[in-house]
């Protein structure tokens, strides 16, 4: 038995509750589609694939610009799949790069197409890895998705072939509550029809997923990858598990 499996009762059950896990809340972005890595790292790899030799601080400036623009204006539509989302997002990033006079206008679309295709293929490969685990868990527990997203996560998970595993979706752009506000996880427990101390929350962010979920009494499992900041990379927590694919074994006796 692995060390993770041996420690699973401590990791997956809150110390103030003897209740077993009866349902699971999954984060989406970074948890199911990147093996725990912050999406900025994947998009930067897409820029490199498109031939953009841009310093990381400049890339990060453009990344943040696009995130703020997407929050300000509804560029993403509910019918957009992940590829469409990435194409729109990366175009915005490259338009800011053009404003900085680091790319010519004529080069924006070819670079965006290449980078978006890379990101979409990366996400699909990660989703394909976790599908068997989701299928296994969905056969034993009700699952709900709780995500900070752009209003189209339902279409994204349908396109990637995993929507059927989730009883419901709680999305920030729809419900008007964003992580790390713990109320979004409370909405997830309500969707499951369970009390927080009967629910396991699985996420990639210690600050946005693990800590707020734990604050309302949920058990937690942290999929840690490469974070946005050095502090995130240095952080540790008892809820750390190696991957989503490890969950069926960790929960085998629950």
Protein backbone atom coordinates (compact mmCIF):
# COMPACT_ATOMS: atom_id res chain seq x y z
CA UNK A 1 0.00 0.00 0.00
CA UNK A 2 1.34 3.44 -0.88
CA UNK A 3 2.08 6.10 1.75
CA UNK A 4 -0.81 8.13 0.38
CA UNK A 5 -3.23 5.23 0.69
CA UNK A 6 -1.98 4.46 4.21
CA UNK A 7 -2.62 8.06 5.26
CA UNK A 8 -5.92 8.47 3.42
CA UNK A 9 -8.17 8.39 6.53
CA UNK A 10 -6.31 11.41 7.92
CA UNK A 11 -6.11 13.19 4.59
CA UNK A 12 -9.67 12.63 3.50
CA UNK A 13 -11.61 12.89 6.76
CA UNK A 14 -11.90 15.99 8.93
CA UNK A 15 -10.63 15.48 12.46
CA UNK A 16 -13.83 16.91 13.97
CA UNK A 17 -16.11 14.43 12.20
CA UNK A 18 -16.53 10.69 12.07
CA UNK A 19 -18.74 10.89 9.00
CA UNK A 20 -17.55 9.07 5.88
CA UNK A 21 -17.17 10.82 2.53
CA UNK A 22 -20.50 10.63 0.69
CA UNK A 23 -19.91 13.07 -2.19
CA UNK A 24 -17.11 14.87 -4.01
CA UNK A 25 -16.69 18.41 -5.31
CA UNK A 26 -14.11 18.87 -8.06
CA UNK A 27 -12.52 22.09 -9.20
CA UNK A 28 -12.10 22.17 -12.99
CA UNK A 29 -9.32 24.40 -14.35
CA UNK A 30 -5.89 23.27 -13.18
CA UNK A 31 -7.30 20.25 -11.36
CA UNK A 32 -8.71 18.15 -14.21
CA UNK A 33 -7.09 19.75 -17.25
CA UNK A 34 -3.42 20.46 -16.35
CA UNK A 35 -2.31 17.93 -13.70
CA UNK A 36 -2.33 20.72 -11.11
CA UNK A 37 -0.32 23.35 -13.01
CA UNK A 38 -1.51 26.95 -13.22
CA UNK A 39 -2.84 27.61 -16.72
CA UNK A 40 -0.42 30.48 -17.29
CA UNK A 41 2.41 27.98 -17.65
CA UNK A 42 0.57 26.02 -20.33
CA UNK A 43 -0.37 29.13 -22.29
CA UNK A 44 3.22 30.37 -22.13
CA UNK A 45 4.29 27.03 -23.62
CA UNK A 46 1.72 27.67 -26.36
CA UNK A 47 3.33 31.05 -27.06
CA UNK A 48 6.70 29.31 -27.40
CA UNK A 49 5.17 26.75 -29.75
CA UNK A 50 3.92 29.67 -31.86
CA UNK A 51 7.47 31.04 -32.09
CA UNK A 52 7.00 33.93 -29.64
CA UNK A 53 10.29 34.44 -27.82
CA UNK A 54 8.92 36.78 -25.14
CA UNK A 55 10.27 37.25 -21.62
CA UNK A 56 8.13 35.66 -18.92
CA UNK A 57 7.37 38.96 -17.11
CA UNK A 58 6.02 40.38 -20.38
CA UNK A 59 3.97 37.26 -21.01
CA UNK A 60 2.55 37.50 -17.50
CA UNK A 61 1.59 41.14 -18.06
CA UNK A 62 -0.35 40.12 -21.17
CA UNK A 63 -1.90 37.15 -19.37
CA UNK A 64 -3.20 39.36 -16.56
CA UNK A 65 -4.41 41.96 -19.05
CA UNK A 66 -6.50 39.34 -20.85
CA UNK A 67 -7.94 37.94 -17.61
CA UNK A 68 -9.06 41.42 -16.58
CA UNK A 69 -10.52 42.11 -20.00
CA UNK A 70 -12.47 38.84 -19.89
CA UNK A 71 -13.84 39.84 -16.49
CA UNK A 72 -14.77 43.30 -17.78
CA UNK A 73 -16.41 42.33 -21.09
CA UNK A 74 -18.33 39.18 -21.98
CA UNK A 75 -16.10 37.89 -24.76
CA UNK A 76 -16.71 34.23 -23.86
CA UNK A 77 -20.15 32.86 -24.75
CA UNK A 78 -21.89 29.86 -23.12
CA UNK A 79 -21.61 27.95 -26.42
CA UNK A 80 -17.81 28.34 -26.63
CA UNK A 81 -15.86 25.13 -26.21
CA UNK A 82 -12.35 25.16 -24.76
CA UNK A 83 -10.63 25.75 -28.09
CA UNK A 84 -12.84 28.76 -28.81
CA UNK A 85 -12.19 30.09 -25.31
CA UNK A 86 -8.42 29.78 -25.68
CA UNK A 87 -8.46 31.39 -29.12
CA UNK A 88 -10.31 34.43 -27.78
CA UNK A 89 -8.16 34.65 -24.67
CA UNK A 90 -4.85 34.35 -26.52
CA UNK A 91 -5.94 36.91 -29.12
CA UNK A 92 -6.49 39.37 -26.29
CA UNK A 93 -3.07 38.60 -24.87
CA UNK A 94 -1.43 39.15 -28.24
CA UNK A 95 -3.32 42.37 -28.84
CA UNK A 96 -1.72 43.68 -25.65
CA UNK A 97 1.63 42.41 -26.93
CA UNK A 98 0.99 44.42 -30.10
CA UNK A 99 0.28 47.51 -28.00
CA UNK A 100 3.72 46.97 -26.44
CA UNK A 101 5.12 46.89 -30.02
CA UNK A 102 6.45 43.36 -29.59
CA UNK A 103 4.37 41.71 -32.31
CA UNK A 104 3.03 42.90 -35.64
CA UNK A 105 -0.71 42.91 -36.21
CA UNK A 106 -0.48 40.46 -39.12
CA UNK A 107 1.21 37.89 -36.88
CA UNK A 108 -1.45 37.87 -34.15
CA UNK A 109 -3.91 35.45 -35.75
CA UNK A 110 -1.40 32.78 -36.87
CA UNK A 111 0.25 32.83 -33.44
CA UNK A 112 -3.11 32.68 -31.64
CA UNK A 113 -4.26 29.73 -33.74
CA UNK A 114 -1.08 27.77 -33.04
CA UNK A 115 -1.03 28.54 -29.31
CA UNK A 116 -4.75 27.81 -28.85
CA UNK A 117 -4.42 24.46 -30.62
CA UNK A 118 -1.51 23.55 -28.34
CA UNK A 119 -3.50 24.44 -25.22
CA UNK A 120 -6.59 22.58 -26.39
CA UNK A 121 -4.58 19.44 -27.16
CA UNK A 122 -2.84 19.68 -23.78
CA UNK A 123 -6.14 19.98 -21.92
CA UNK A 124 -7.69 17.10 -23.85
CA UNK A 125 -4.74 14.84 -23.02
CA UNK A 126 -5.04 15.67 -19.32
CA UNK A 127 -8.81 15.09 -19.35
CA UNK A 128 -8.32 11.74 -21.08
CA UNK A 129 -5.97 10.75 -18.25
CA UNK A 130 -8.52 11.45 -15.51
CA UNK A 131 -11.62 10.07 -17.28
CA UNK A 132 -11.25 6.53 -15.87
CA UNK A 133 -10.90 7.92 -12.34
CA UNK A 134 -13.96 10.14 -12.78
CA UNK A 135 -15.97 7.22 -14.14
CA UNK A 136 -14.95 5.07 -11.18
CA UNK A 137 -15.75 7.76 -8.61
CA UNK A 138 -19.06 8.70 -10.27
CA UNK A 139 -20.12 5.08 -9.90
CA UNK A 140 -19.65 5.31 -6.12
CA UNK A 141 -20.28 8.96 -5.20
CA UNK A 142 -22.31 11.89 -6.51
CA UNK A 143 -19.93 14.44 -8.06
CA UNK A 144 -20.35 18.20 -8.51
CA UNK A 145 -18.07 20.66 -10.31
CA UNK A 146 -17.32 24.01 -8.61
CA UNK A 147 -15.29 26.34 -10.79
CA UNK A 148 -14.19 29.93 -11.30
CA UNK A 149 -14.89 30.11 -15.03
CA UNK A 150 -16.17 32.30 -17.85
CA UNK A 151 -19.78 31.12 -18.20
CA UNK A 152 -19.07 28.20 -20.55
CA UNK A 153 -17.66 25.42 -18.37
CA UNK A 154 -20.71 23.24 -19.06
CA UNK A 155 -19.92 23.32 -22.79
CA UNK A 156 -16.23 22.70 -22.10
CA UNK A 157 -16.80 19.55 -20.09
CA UNK A 158 -19.43 18.32 -22.57
CA UNK A 159 -16.96 18.74 -25.43
CA UNK A 160 -14.27 16.90 -23.49
CA UNK A 161 -16.68 14.05 -22.72
CA UNK A 162 -16.93 14.26 -18.92
CA UNK A 163 -20.18 16.16 -18.30
CA UNK A 164 -22.06 12.93 -17.56
CA UNK A 165 -20.02 12.32 -14.43
CA UNK A 166 -21.25 15.46 -12.64
CA UNK A 167 -24.63 15.80 -11.00
CA UNK A 168 -24.34 19.59 -11.25
CA UNK A 169 -22.07 22.53 -12.01
CA UNK A 170 -21.57 25.58 -9.81
CA UNK A 171 -19.79 28.21 -11.91
CA UNK A 172 -18.66 31.60 -10.63
CA UNK A 173 -19.84 33.51 -13.71
CA UNK A 174 -23.32 32.03 -13.27
CA UNK A 175 -23.83 32.15 -9.49
CA UNK A 176 -21.99 35.43 -8.87
CA UNK A 177 -19.62 34.05 -6.22
CA UNK A 178 -15.93 33.43 -6.87
CA UNK A 179 -13.32 31.42 -5.03
CA UNK A 180 -11.80 31.89 -2.53
CA UNK A 181 -15.23 32.85 -1.18
CA UNK A 182 -16.25 29.72 0.72
CA UNK A 183 -19.92 30.30 -0.15
CA UNK A 184 -19.31 28.79 -3.59
CA UNK A 185 -18.33 25.50 -1.94
CA UNK A 186 -21.41 25.68 0.26
CA UNK A 187 -23.46 25.89 -2.94
CA UNK A 188 -21.66 22.76 -4.07
CA UNK A 189 -22.60 20.85 -0.92
CA UNK A 190 -26.21 21.96 -1.34
CA UNK A 191 -26.16 20.67 -4.94
CA UNK A 192 -24.96 17.33 -3.58
CA UNK A 193 -27.66 17.33 -0.90
CA UNK A 194 -25.00 16.71 1.75
CA UNK A 195 -23.50 18.43 4.78
CA UNK A 196 -19.99 19.86 4.32
CA UNK A 197 -18.43 17.25 6.62
CA UNK A 198 -19.70 14.53 4.28
CA UNK A 199 -18.00 16.09 1.22
CA UNK A 200 -14.49 15.87 -0.20
CA UNK A 201 -13.25 18.89 -2.18
CA UNK A 202 -10.52 18.26 -4.76
CA UNK A 203 -8.62 21.25 -6.15
CA UNK A 204 -5.28 22.55 -7.35
CA UNK A 205 -5.14 25.80 -5.36
CA UNK A 206 -4.35 25.82 -1.66
CA UNK A 207 -5.67 29.38 -1.29
CA UNK A 208 -8.72 29.18 -3.56
CA UNK A 209 -9.83 25.58 -3.11
CA UNK A 210 -8.37 23.82 -0.09
CA UNK A 211 -8.46 26.51 2.61
CA UNK A 212 -11.97 27.88 1.91
CA UNK A 213 -13.44 24.38 1.54
CA UNK A 214 -11.84 23.33 4.79
CA UNK A 215 -13.17 26.47 6.51
CA UNK A 216 -16.76 25.20 6.09
CA UNK A 217 -15.91 21.68 7.26
CA UNK A 218 -15.19 19.81 4.03
CA UNK A 219 -12.49 17.21 3.70
CA UNK A 220 -9.88 18.20 1.13
CA UNK A 221 -7.45 16.72 -1.39
CA UNK A 222 -4.86 18.99 -3.01
CA UNK A 223 -3.49 18.32 -6.50
CA UNK A 224 -0.34 20.42 -6.39
CA UNK A 225 1.41 21.47 -9.59
CA UNK A 226 3.38 24.53 -10.63
CA UNK A 227 1.73 27.61 -9.16
CA UNK A 228 1.53 31.27 -10.13
CA UNK A 229 3.99 32.45 -7.44
CA UNK A 230 7.09 31.06 -5.69
CA UNK A 231 5.15 31.11 -2.41
CA UNK A 232 2.56 28.78 -3.94
CA UNK A 233 5.32 26.47 -5.15
CA UNK A 234 6.87 26.37 -1.67
CA UNK A 235 3.60 25.71 0.17
CA UNK A 236 2.74 22.33 1.61
CA UNK A 237 -0.28 20.81 3.34
CA UNK A 238 -1.35 17.43 4.79
CA UNK A 239 -4.09 17.20 2.14
CA UNK A 240 -1.57 16.83 -0.69
CA UNK A 241 -2.18 13.83 -2.96
CA UNK A 242 -0.24 12.86 -6.10
CA UNK A 243 -2.99 13.10 -8.73
CA UNK A 244 -6.68 12.81 -9.51
CA UNK A 245 -5.97 9.32 -10.80
CA UNK A 246 -4.93 8.29 -7.27
CA UNK A 247 -8.34 9.12 -5.78
CA UNK A 248 -10.16 5.83 -6.54
CA UNK A 249 -7.55 3.90 -4.56
CA UNK A 250 -7.45 6.47 -1.77
CA UNK A 251 -11.21 6.25 -1.42
CA UNK A 252 -11.43 2.48 -1.89
CA UNK A 253 -12.36 1.84 1.73
CA UNK A 254 -14.62 4.86 2.20
